[in-house]
C-alpha atoms as a PDB file:
ATOM      1  CA  MET A   1       0.000   0.000   0.000  1.00  0.00           C
ATOM      2  CA  LYS A   2       2.898   2.348   0.705  1.00  0.00           C
ATOM      3  CA  GLY A   3       4.032   2.300  -2.918  1.00  0.00           C
ATOM      4  CA  ALA A   4       0.543   3.076  -4.213  1.00  0.00           C
ATOM      5  CA  VAL A   5       0.259   6.223  -2.100  1.00  0.00           C
ATOM      6  CA  GLU A   6       3.648   7.480  -3.232  1.00  0.00           C
ATOM      7  CA  GLU A   7       2.820   6.680  -6.851  1.00  0.00           C
ATOM      8  CA  ARG A   8      -0.496   8.533  -6.547  1.00  0.00           C
ATOM      9  CA  ALA A   9       1.300  11.568  -5.095  1.00  0.00           C
ATOM     10  CA  THR A  10       3.658  11.580  -8.081  1.00  0.00           C
ATOM     11  CA  GLN A  11       0.785  11.211 -10.550  1.00  0.00           C
ATOM     12  CA  LEU A  12      -1.091  14.071  -8.895  1.00  0.00           C
ATOM     13  CA  GLY A  13       1.987  16.263  -9.001  1.00  0.00           C
ATOM     14  CA  GLU A  14       2.560  15.531 -12.676  1.00  0.00           C
ATOM     15  CA  TYR A  15      -1.108  16.201 -13.492  1.00  0.00           C
ATOM     16  CA  ILE A  16      -1.091  19.535 -11.653  1.00  0.00           C
ATOM     17  CA  LEU A  17       2.176  20.512 -13.320  1.00  0.00           C
ATOM     18  CA  GLU A  18       1.107  19.576 -16.871  1.00  0.00           C
ATOM     19  CA  ASN A  19      -2.347  21.144 -16.667  1.00  0.00           C
ATOM     20  CA  LYS A  20      -1.646  23.942 -14.183  1.00  0.00           C
ATOM     21  CA  ALA A  21      -4.612  22.444 -12.362  1.00  0.00           C
ATOM     22  CA  THR A  22      -6.102  23.432  -9.043  1.00  0.00           C
ATOM     23  CA  VAL A  23      -6.400  21.024  -6.124  1.00  0.00           C
ATOM     24  CA  ARG A  24     -10.133  20.858  -6.805  1.00  0.00           C
ATOM     25  CA  ALA A  25      -9.613  19.952 -10.478  1.00  0.00           C
ATOM     26  CA  ALA A  26      -7.072  17.268  -9.586  1.00  0.00           C
ATOM     27  CA  ALA A  27      -9.424  15.813  -6.974  1.00  0.00           C
ATOM     28  CA  LYS A  28     -12.221  15.637  -9.516  1.00  0.00           C
ATOM     29  CA  LYS A  29      -9.976  14.010 -12.150  1.00  0.00           C
ATOM     30  CA  PHE A  30      -8.658  11.324  -9.779  1.00  0.00           C
ATOM     31  CA  HIS A  31     -11.978  10.836  -7.924  1.00  0.00           C
ATOM     32  CA  ILE A  32     -10.498  11.563  -4.500  1.00  0.00           C
ATOM     33  CA  SER A  33     -11.067  14.282  -1.919  1.00  0.00           C
ATOM     34  CA  LYS A  34      -9.400  17.685  -1.984  1.00  0.00           C
ATOM     35  CA  SER A  35      -7.888  16.877   1.409  1.00  0.00           C
ATOM     36  CA  THR A  36      -6.211  13.787  -0.009  1.00  0.00           C
ATOM     37  CA  VAL A  37      -4.813  15.721  -2.960  1.00  0.00           C
ATOM     38  CA  HIS A  38      -3.496  18.431  -0.680  1.00  0.00           C
ATOM     39  CA  LYS A  39      -1.912  15.874   1.686  1.00  0.00           C
ATOM     40  CA  ASP A  40      -0.303  14.029  -1.235  1.00  0.00           C
ATOM     41  CA  VAL A  41       1.186  17.066  -2.973  1.00  0.00           C
ATOM     42  CA  SER A  42       2.101  18.979   0.193  1.00  0.00           C
ATOM     43  CA  ASP A  43       3.557  16.280   2.419  1.00  0.00           C
ATOM     44  CA  ARG A  44       4.135  13.025   0.604  1.00  0.00           C
ATOM     45  CA  LEU A  45       5.434  14.464  -2.659  1.00  0.00           C
ATOM     46  CA  GLN A  46       8.059  16.472  -0.807  1.00  0.00           C
ATOM     47  CA  THR A  47       9.732  13.272   0.435  1.00  0.00           C
ATOM     48  CA  VAL A  48       9.143  11.210  -2.717  1.00  0.00           C
ATOM     49  CA  ASN A  49      10.204  13.739  -5.383  1.00  0.00           C
ATOM     50  CA  PRO A  50      11.516  17.088  -4.047  1.00  0.00           C
ATOM     51  CA  GLN A  51      12.081  18.544  -7.542  1.00  0.00           C
ATOM     52  CA  LEU A  52       8.492  17.868  -8.634  1.00  0.00           C
ATOM     53  CA  TYR A  53       7.258  19.152  -5.273  1.00  0.00           C
ATOM     54  CA  SER A  54       8.918  22.538  -5.757  1.00  0.00           C
ATOM     55  CA  GLU A  55       7.432  22.933  -9.243  1.00  0.00           C
ATOM     56  CA  VAL A  56       3.952  21.921  -8.072  1.00  0.00           C
ATOM     57  CA  ARG A  57       4.256  24.231  -5.051  1.00  0.00           C
ATOM     58  CA  GLN A  58       4.788  27.203  -7.392  1.00  0.00           C
ATOM     59  CA  ILE A  59       1.598  26.382  -9.305  1.00  0.00           C
ATOM     60  CA  LEU A  60      -0.413  25.915  -6.112  1.00  0.00           C
ATOM     61  CA  ASP A  61       0.855  29.247  -4.771  1.00  0.00           C
ATOM     62  CA  ILE A  62      -0.266  30.971  -7.975  1.00  0.00           C
ATOM     63  CA  ASN A  63      -3.673  29.278  -7.734  1.00  0.00           C
ATOM     64  CA  LYS A  64      -4.003  30.388  -4.121  1.00  0.00           C
ATOM     65  CA  ALA A  65      -3.190  33.974  -5.059  1.00  0.00           C
ATOM     66  CA  GLN A  66      -5.843  33.928  -7.812  1.00  0.00           C
ATOM     67  CA  ARG A  67      -8.491  32.149  -5.756  1.00  0.00           C
ATOM     68  CA  HIS A  68     -10.352  35.292  -4.705  1.00  0.00           C
ATOM     69  CA  ILE A  69     -10.544  36.469  -8.326  1.00  0.00           C
ATOM     70  CA  ARG A  70     -12.065  33.185  -9.520  1.00  0.00           C
ATOM     71  CA  GLY A  71     -14.582  33.313  -6.670  1.00  0.00           C
ATOM     72  CA  GLY A  72     -15.660  36.810  -7.656  1.00  0.00           C
ATOM     73  CA  ILE A  73     -16.084  35.785 -11.289  1.00  0.00           C
ATOM     74  CA  ALA A  74     -18.199  32.783 -10.292  1.00  0.00           C
ATOM     75  CA  THR A  75     -20.407  34.959  -8.085  1.00  0.00           C
ATOM     76  CA  ARG A  76     -20.850  37.480 -10.890  1.00  0.00           C
ATOM     77  CA  ARG A  77     -21.903  34.742 -13.314  1.00  0.00           C
ATOM     78  CA  LYS A  78     -24.360  33.385 -10.773  1.00  0.00           C
ATOM     79  CA  TYR A  79     -26.126  36.699 -10.368  1.00  0.00           C
ATOM     80  CA  LEU A  80     -26.079  37.559 -14.065  1.00  0.00           C
ATOM     81  CA  GLN A  81     -27.842  34.274 -14.851  1.00  0.00           C
ATOM     82  CA  ASN A  82     -30.591  35.023 -12.309  1.00  0.00           C
ATOM     83  CA  GLU A  83     -31.512  38.336 -13.921  1.00  0.00           C
END
């Protein structure tokens, strides 16, 4: 089981890196929870593949910085559809 978790962490990291995906998008793609994705790419990936971890960390930091903008856009769409 240990190998499967480490392999999943690597696959998640590669997916996020290739697609510049959010944690939510990765969770949806792999059919697992956001908490699991976050645990895999934040903790496990750092010990398994430090190089991949640092690249994924940069993408996740960018996504975190843009999170409030995406939320505002989604709210705007919601209210424009109701009019």
